[in-house]
Amino acid sequence: MPIMRKERQRRPNLEQAFGRPAGDEKPTQERVAQLAYQLYQKRGGEHGRDWEDWFNAEEILIQGGKCP
């Protein structure tokens, strides 16, 4: 007689369980770093504005924007 396996129930995505829309994902650190570097290069490589580049990159990615 074959053993019947109990079907596993799928767990809900934690972000969905806490009311966050499925498409509203936080950008990865790697992706933010890539875009921040592109922003740095785009403005001529001026030093001293790394935080500004980082926060701008996060904002662009959160809003669903593409790389410049």
PDB file of N, CA and C in Angstrom:
ATOM      1  N   MET A   1       0.844  -1.173   0.000  1.00  0.00           N
ATOM      2  CA  MET A   1       0.000   0.000   0.000  1.00  0.00           C
ATOM      3  C   MET A   1       0.895   1.244   0.000  1.00  0.00           C
ATOM      4  N   PRO A   2       0.690   2.146  -0.976  1.00  0.00           N
ATOM      5  CA  PRO A   2       1.526   3.340  -1.049  1.00  0.00           C
ATOM      6  C   PRO A   2       1.208   4.306   0.083  1.00  0.00           C
ATOM      7  N   ILE A   3       2.255   4.987   0.517  1.00  0.00           N
ATOM      8  CA  ILE A   3       2.093   5.979   1.580  1.00  0.00           C
ATOM      9  C   ILE A   3       1.649   7.292   0.949  1.00  0.00           C
ATOM     10  N   MET A   4       0.586   7.826   1.468  1.00  0.00           N
ATOM     11  CA  MET A   4       0.052   9.090   0.965  1.00  0.00           C
ATOM     12  C   MET A   4       0.740  10.236   1.704  1.00  0.00           C
ATOM     13  N   ARG A   5       1.282  11.141   0.949  1.00  0.00           N
ATOM     14  CA  ARG A   5       1.927  12.297   1.563  1.00  0.00           C
ATOM     15  C   ARG A   5       0.920  13.425   1.714  1.00  0.00           C
ATOM     16  N   LYS A   6       1.010  14.061   2.829  1.00  0.00           N
ATOM     17  CA  LYS A   6       0.148  15.204   3.068  1.00  0.00           C
ATOM     18  C   LYS A   6       0.684  16.384   2.256  1.00  0.00           C
ATOM     19  N   GLU A   7      -0.198  17.003   1.508  1.00  0.00           N
ATOM     20  CA  GLU A   7       0.213  18.133   0.686  1.00  0.00           C
ATOM     21  C   GLU A   7       0.551  19.317   1.580  1.00  0.00           C
ATOM     22  N   ARG A   8       1.714  19.902   1.310  1.00  0.00           N
ATOM     23  CA  ARG A   8       2.169  21.041   2.109  1.00  0.00           C
ATOM     24  C   ARG A   8       1.431  22.305   1.675  1.00  0.00           C
ATOM     25  N   GLN A   9       1.013  23.049   2.641  1.00  0.00           N
ATOM     26  CA  GLN A   9       0.377  24.320   2.340  1.00  0.00           C
ATOM     27  C   GLN A   9       1.460  25.360   2.108  1.00  0.00           C
ATOM     28  N   ARG A  10       1.228  26.208   1.108  1.00  0.00           N
ATOM     29  CA  ARG A  10       2.179  27.282   0.844  1.00  0.00           C
ATOM     30  C   ARG A  10       2.053  28.347   1.910  1.00  0.00           C
ATOM     31  N   ARG A  11       3.201  28.770   2.371  1.00  0.00           N
ATOM     32  CA  ARG A  11       3.200  29.879   3.323  1.00  0.00           C
ATOM     33  C   ARG A  11       3.059  31.183   2.551  1.00  0.00           C
ATOM     34  N   PRO A  12       2.329  32.130   3.101  1.00  0.00           N
ATOM     35  CA  PRO A  12       2.212  33.416   2.412  1.00  0.00           C
ATOM     36  C   PRO A  12       3.537  34.168   2.465  1.00  0.00           C
ATOM     37  N   ASN A  13       3.795  34.938   1.452  1.00  0.00           N
ATOM     38  CA  ASN A  13       4.960  35.796   1.425  1.00  0.00           C
ATOM     39  C   ASN A  13       4.840  36.757   2.600  1.00  0.00           C
ATOM     40  N   LEU A  14       5.908  36.931   3.373  1.00  0.00           N
ATOM     41  CA  LEU A  14       5.833  37.793   4.549  1.00  0.00           C
ATOM     42  C   LEU A  14       5.468  39.224   4.192  1.00  0.00           C
ATOM     43  N   GLU A  15       6.004  39.710   3.072  1.00  0.00           N
ATOM     44  CA  GLU A  15       5.676  41.073   2.683  1.00  0.00           C
ATOM     45  C   GLU A  15       4.191  41.191   2.362  1.00  0.00           C
ATOM     46  N   GLN A  16       3.629  40.169   1.721  1.00  0.00           N
ATOM     47  CA  GLN A  16       2.206  40.193   1.412  1.00  0.00           C
ATOM     48  C   GLN A  16       1.390  40.052   2.694  1.00  0.00           C
ATOM     49  N   ALA A  17       1.879  39.237   3.628  1.00  0.00           N
ATOM     50  CA  ALA A  17       1.160  39.018   4.872  1.00  0.00           C
ATOM     51  C   ALA A  17       1.068  40.294   5.702  1.00  0.00           C
ATOM     52  N   PHE A  18       2.060  41.165   5.580  1.00  0.00           N
ATOM     53  CA  PHE A  18       2.054  42.405   6.344  1.00  0.00           C
ATOM     54  C   PHE A  18       1.542  43.589   5.541  1.00  0.00           C
ATOM     55  N   GLY A  19       0.848  43.309   4.433  1.00  0.00           N
ATOM     56  CA  GLY A  19       0.161  44.344   3.696  1.00  0.00           C
ATOM     57  C   GLY A  19       0.997  45.105   2.685  1.00  0.00           C
ATOM     58  N   ARG A  20       2.179  44.640   2.414  1.00  0.00           N
ATOM     59  CA  ARG A  20       3.019  45.319   1.434  1.00  0.00           C
ATOM     60  C   ARG A  20       2.726  44.748   0.060  1.00  0.00           C
ATOM     61  N   PRO A  21       2.501  45.583  -0.953  1.00  0.00           N
ATOM     62  CA  PRO A  21       2.225  45.063  -2.288  1.00  0.00           C
ATOM     63  C   PRO A  21       3.374  44.202  -2.805  1.00  0.00           C
ATOM     64  N   ALA A  22       3.041  43.173  -3.571  1.00  0.00           N
ATOM     65  CA  ALA A  22       4.044  42.231  -4.060  1.00  0.00           C
ATOM     66  C   ALA A  22       5.118  42.910  -4.896  1.00  0.00           C
ATOM     67  N   GLY A  23       4.776  43.911  -5.681  1.00  0.00           N
ATOM     68  CA  GLY A  23       5.744  44.574  -6.539  1.00  0.00           C
ATOM     69  C   GLY A  23       6.572  45.633  -5.832  1.00  0.00           C
ATOM     70  N   ASP A  24       6.277  45.888  -4.568  1.00  0.00           N
ATOM     71  CA  ASP A  24       6.954  46.939  -3.814  1.00  0.00           C
ATOM     72  C   ASP A  24       8.133  46.353  -3.053  1.00  0.00           C
ATOM     73  N   GLU A  25       9.129  45.892  -3.787  1.00  0.00           N
ATOM     74  CA  GLU A  25      10.271  45.263  -3.156  1.00  0.00           C
ATOM     75  C   GLU A  25      11.388  46.272  -2.951  1.00  0.00           C
ATOM     76  N   LYS A  26      12.118  46.092  -1.882  1.00  0.00           N
ATOM     77  CA  LYS A  26      13.251  46.949  -1.589  1.00  0.00           C
ATOM     78  C   LYS A  26      14.379  46.617  -2.560  1.00  0.00           C
ATOM     79  N   PRO A  27      15.002  47.631  -3.162  1.00  0.00           N
ATOM     80  CA  PRO A  27      16.098  47.349  -4.087  1.00  0.00           C
ATOM     81  C   PRO A  27      17.285  46.732  -3.353  1.00  0.00           C
ATOM     82  N   THR A  28      18.016  45.882  -4.037  1.00  0.00           N
ATOM     83  CA  THR A  28      19.175  45.245  -3.420  1.00  0.00           C
ATOM     84  C   THR A  28      20.306  46.251  -3.266  1.00  0.00           C
ATOM     85  N   GLN A  29      21.181  45.975  -2.318  1.00  0.00           N
ATOM     86  CA  GLN A  29      22.332  46.847  -2.084  1.00  0.00           C
ATOM     87  C   GLN A  29      23.211  46.912  -3.333  1.00  0.00           C
ATOM     88  N   GLU A  30      23.358  45.776  -4.008  1.00  0.00           N
ATOM     89  CA  GLU A  30      24.170  45.734  -5.228  1.00  0.00           C
ATOM     90  C   GLU A  30      23.582  46.638  -6.309  1.00  0.00           C
ATOM     91  N   ARG A  31      22.274  46.593  -6.477  1.00  0.00           N
ATOM     92  CA  ARG A  31      21.618  47.402  -7.511  1.00  0.00           C
ATOM     93  C   ARG A  31      21.726  48.887  -7.184  1.00  0.00           C
ATOM     94  N   VAL A  32      21.562  49.244  -5.907  1.00  0.00           N
ATOM     95  CA  VAL A  32      21.682  50.639  -5.492  1.00  0.00           C
ATOM     96  C   VAL A  32      23.113  51.125  -5.741  1.00  0.00           C
ATOM     97  N   ALA A  33      24.088  50.290  -5.398  1.00  0.00           N
ATOM     98  CA  ALA A  33      25.494  50.658  -5.601  1.00  0.00           C
ATOM     99  C   ALA A  33      25.801  50.886  -7.076  1.00  0.00           C
ATOM    100  N   GLN A  34      25.273  50.033  -7.943  1.00  0.00           N
ATOM    101  CA  GLN A  34      25.505  50.191  -9.381  1.00  0.00           C
ATOM    102  C   GLN A  34      24.940  51.514  -9.881  1.00  0.00           C
ATOM    103  N   LEU A  35      23.718  51.808  -9.487  1.00  0.00           N
ATOM    104  CA  LEU A  35      23.081  53.041  -9.945  1.00  0.00           C
ATOM    105  C   LEU A  35      23.766  54.262  -9.331  1.00  0.00           C
ATOM    106  N   ALA A  36      24.144  54.191  -8.054  1.00  0.00           N
ATOM    107  CA  ALA A  36      24.839  55.309  -7.417  1.00  0.00           C
ATOM    108  C   ALA A  36      26.144  55.606  -8.147  1.00  0.00           C
ATOM    109  N   TYR A  37      26.848  54.567  -8.558  1.00  0.00           N
ATOM    110  CA  TYR A  37      28.096  54.762  -9.300  1.00  0.00           C
ATOM    111  C   TYR A  37      27.814  55.399 -10.665  1.00  0.00           C
ATOM    112  N   GLN A  38      26.749  54.995 -11.307  1.00  0.00           N
ATOM    113  CA  GLN A  38      26.387  55.598 -12.593  1.00  0.00           C
ATOM    114  C   GLN A  38      26.051  57.081 -12.418  1.00  0.00           C
ATOM    115  N   LEU A  39      25.350  57.405 -11.331  1.00  0.00           N
ATOM    116  CA  LEU A  39      25.029  58.812 -11.060  1.00  0.00           C
ATOM    117  C   LEU A  39      26.308  59.613 -10.804  1.00  0.00           C
ATOM    118  N   TYR A  40      27.240  59.031 -10.071  1.00  0.00           N
ATOM    119  CA  TYR A  40      28.542  59.640  -9.799  1.00  0.00           C
ATOM    120  C   TYR A  40      29.287  59.921 -11.104  1.00  0.00           C
ATOM    121  N   GLN A  41      29.299  58.938 -11.984  1.00  0.00           N
ATOM    122  CA  GLN A  41      29.977  59.116 -13.272  1.00  0.00           C
ATOM    123  C   GLN A  41      29.273  60.165 -14.125  1.00  0.00           C
ATOM    124  N   LYS A  42      27.959  60.169 -14.098  1.00  0.00           N
ATOM    125  CA  LYS A  42      27.169  61.082 -14.926  1.00  0.00           C
ATOM    126  C   LYS A  42      27.441  62.542 -14.563  1.00  0.00           C
ATOM    127  N   ARG A  43      27.700  62.816 -13.303  1.00  0.00           N
ATOM    128  CA  ARG A  43      27.963  64.194 -12.898  1.00  0.00           C
ATOM    129  C   ARG A  43      29.454  64.522 -12.890  1.00  0.00           C
ATOM    130  N   GLY A  44      30.251  63.700 -13.555  1.00  0.00           N
ATOM    131  CA  GLY A  44      31.661  64.012 -13.761  1.00  0.00           C
ATOM    132  C   GLY A  44      32.617  63.480 -12.717  1.00  0.00           C
ATOM    133  N   GLY A  45      32.169  62.608 -11.854  1.00  0.00           N
ATOM    134  CA  GLY A  45      33.061  61.992 -10.868  1.00  0.00           C
ATOM    135  C   GLY A  45      33.481  62.916  -9.737  1.00  0.00           C
ATOM    136  N   GLU A  46      32.679  63.915  -9.443  1.00  0.00           N
ATOM    137  CA  GLU A  46      32.982  64.841  -8.353  1.00  0.00           C
ATOM    138  C   GLU A  46      32.894  64.109  -7.017  1.00  0.00           C
ATOM    139  N   HIS A  47      33.956  64.199  -6.226  1.00  0.00           N
ATOM    140  CA  HIS A  47      33.995  63.504  -4.936  1.00  0.00           C
ATOM    141  C   HIS A  47      33.227  64.268  -3.864  1.00  0.00           C
ATOM    142  N   GLY A  48      32.863  63.556  -2.807  1.00  0.00           N
ATOM    143  CA  GLY A  48      32.223  64.184  -1.655  1.00  0.00           C
ATOM    144  C   GLY A  48      30.705  64.179  -1.680  1.00  0.00           C
ATOM    145  N   ARG A  49      30.104  63.534  -2.668  1.00  0.00           N
ATOM    146  CA  ARG A  49      28.642  63.507  -2.740  1.00  0.00           C
ATOM    147  C   ARG A  49      28.120  62.072  -2.797  1.00  0.00           C
ATOM    148  N   ASP A  50      28.874  61.163  -2.197  1.00  0.00           N
ATOM    149  CA  ASP A  50      28.520  59.743  -2.262  1.00  0.00           C
ATOM    150  C   ASP A  50      27.188  59.432  -1.596  1.00  0.00           C
ATOM    151  N   TRP A  51      26.910  60.076  -0.458  1.00  0.00           N
ATOM    152  CA  TRP A  51      25.640  59.835   0.219  1.00  0.00           C
ATOM    153  C   TRP A  51      24.475  60.314  -0.647  1.00  0.00           C
ATOM    154  N   GLU A  52      24.656  61.462  -1.258  1.00  0.00           N
ATOM    155  CA  GLU A  52      23.615  62.003  -2.134  1.00  0.00           C
ATOM    156  C   GLU A  52      23.339  61.041  -3.299  1.00  0.00           C
ATOM    157  N   ASP A  53      24.412  60.525  -3.896  1.00  0.00           N
ATOM    158  CA  ASP A  53      24.249  59.564  -4.997  1.00  0.00           C
ATOM    159  C   ASP A  53      23.514  58.320  -4.521  1.00  0.00           C
ATOM    160  N   TRP A  54      23.885  57.826  -3.339  1.00  0.00           N
ATOM    161  CA  TRP A  54      23.273  56.610  -2.806  1.00  0.00           C
ATOM    162  C   TRP A  54      21.775  56.808  -2.575  1.00  0.00           C
ATOM    163  N   PHE A  55      21.416  57.899  -1.905  1.00  0.00           N
ATOM    164  CA  PHE A  55      20.005  58.139  -1.606  1.00  0.00           C
ATOM    165  C   PHE A  55      19.196  58.418  -2.870  1.00  0.00           C
ATOM    166  N   ASN A  56      19.792  59.121  -3.819  1.00  0.00           N
ATOM    167  CA  ASN A  56      19.107  59.343  -5.100  1.00  0.00           C
ATOM    168  C   ASN A  56      18.884  58.021  -5.827  1.00  0.00           C
ATOM    169  N   ALA A  57      19.879  57.143  -5.804  1.00  0.00           N
ATOM    170  CA  ALA A  57      19.746  55.839  -6.456  1.00  0.00           C
ATOM    171  C   ALA A  57      18.634  55.020  -5.806  1.00  0.00           C
ATOM    172  N   GLU A  58      18.587  55.015  -4.470  1.00  0.00           N
ATOM    173  CA  GLU A  58      17.509  54.300  -3.775  1.00  0.00           C
ATOM    174  C   GLU A  58      16.147  54.839  -4.185  1.00  0.00           C
ATOM    175  N   GLU A  59      16.021  56.136  -4.204  1.00  0.00           N
ATOM    176  CA  GLU A  59      14.741  56.764  -4.548  1.00  0.00           C
ATOM    177  C   GLU A  59      14.313  56.407  -5.969  1.00  0.00           C
ATOM    178  N   ILE A  60      15.251  56.462  -6.896  1.00  0.00           N
ATOM    179  CA  ILE A  60      14.950  56.121  -8.289  1.00  0.00           C
ATOM    180  C   ILE A  60      14.463  54.681  -8.392  1.00  0.00           C
ATOM    181  N   LEU A  61      15.158  53.766  -7.724  1.00  0.00           N
ATOM    182  CA  LEU A  61      14.785  52.351  -7.801  1.00  0.00           C
ATOM    183  C   LEU A  61      13.470  52.054  -7.093  1.00  0.00           C
ATOM    184  N   ILE A  62      13.217  52.693  -5.975  1.00  0.00           N
ATOM    185  CA  ILE A  62      11.961  52.475  -5.253  1.00  0.00           C
ATOM    186  C   ILE A  62      10.772  52.944  -6.085  1.00  0.00           C
ATOM    187  N   GLN A  63      10.964  54.042  -6.813  1.00  0.00           N
ATOM    188  CA  GLN A  63       9.888  54.575  -7.649  1.00  0.00           C
ATOM    189  C   GLN A  63       9.766  53.826  -8.977  1.00  0.00           C
ATOM    190  N   GLY A  64      10.613  52.838  -9.170  1.00  0.00           N
ATOM    191  CA  GLY A  64      10.508  52.027 -10.376  1.00  0.00           C
ATOM    192  C   GLY A  64      11.218  52.612 -11.577  1.00  0.00           C
ATOM    193  N   GLY A  65      12.078  53.587 -11.344  1.00  0.00           N
ATOM    194  CA  GLY A  65      12.806  54.223 -12.433  1.00  0.00           C
ATOM    195  C   GLY A  65      13.901  53.337 -12.977  1.00  0.00           C
ATOM    196  N   LYS A  66      14.344  53.686 -14.138  1.00  0.00           N
ATOM    197  CA  LYS A  66      15.434  52.954 -14.795  1.00  0.00           C
ATOM    198  C   LYS A  66      16.715  53.743 -14.651  1.00  0.00           C
ATOM    199  N   CYS A  67      17.813  53.094 -14.923  1.00  0.00           N
ATOM    200  CA  CYS A  67      19.119  53.747 -14.875  1.00  0.00           C
ATOM    201  C   CYS A  67      19.193  54.845 -15.917  1.00  0.00           C
ATOM    202  N   PRO A  68      19.829  55.943 -15.569  1.00  0.00           N
ATOM    203  CA  PRO A  68      19.971  57.027 -16.556  1.00  0.00           C
ATOM    204  C   PRO A  68      20.899  56.623 -17.684  1.00  0.00           C
TER     205      PRO A  68
END
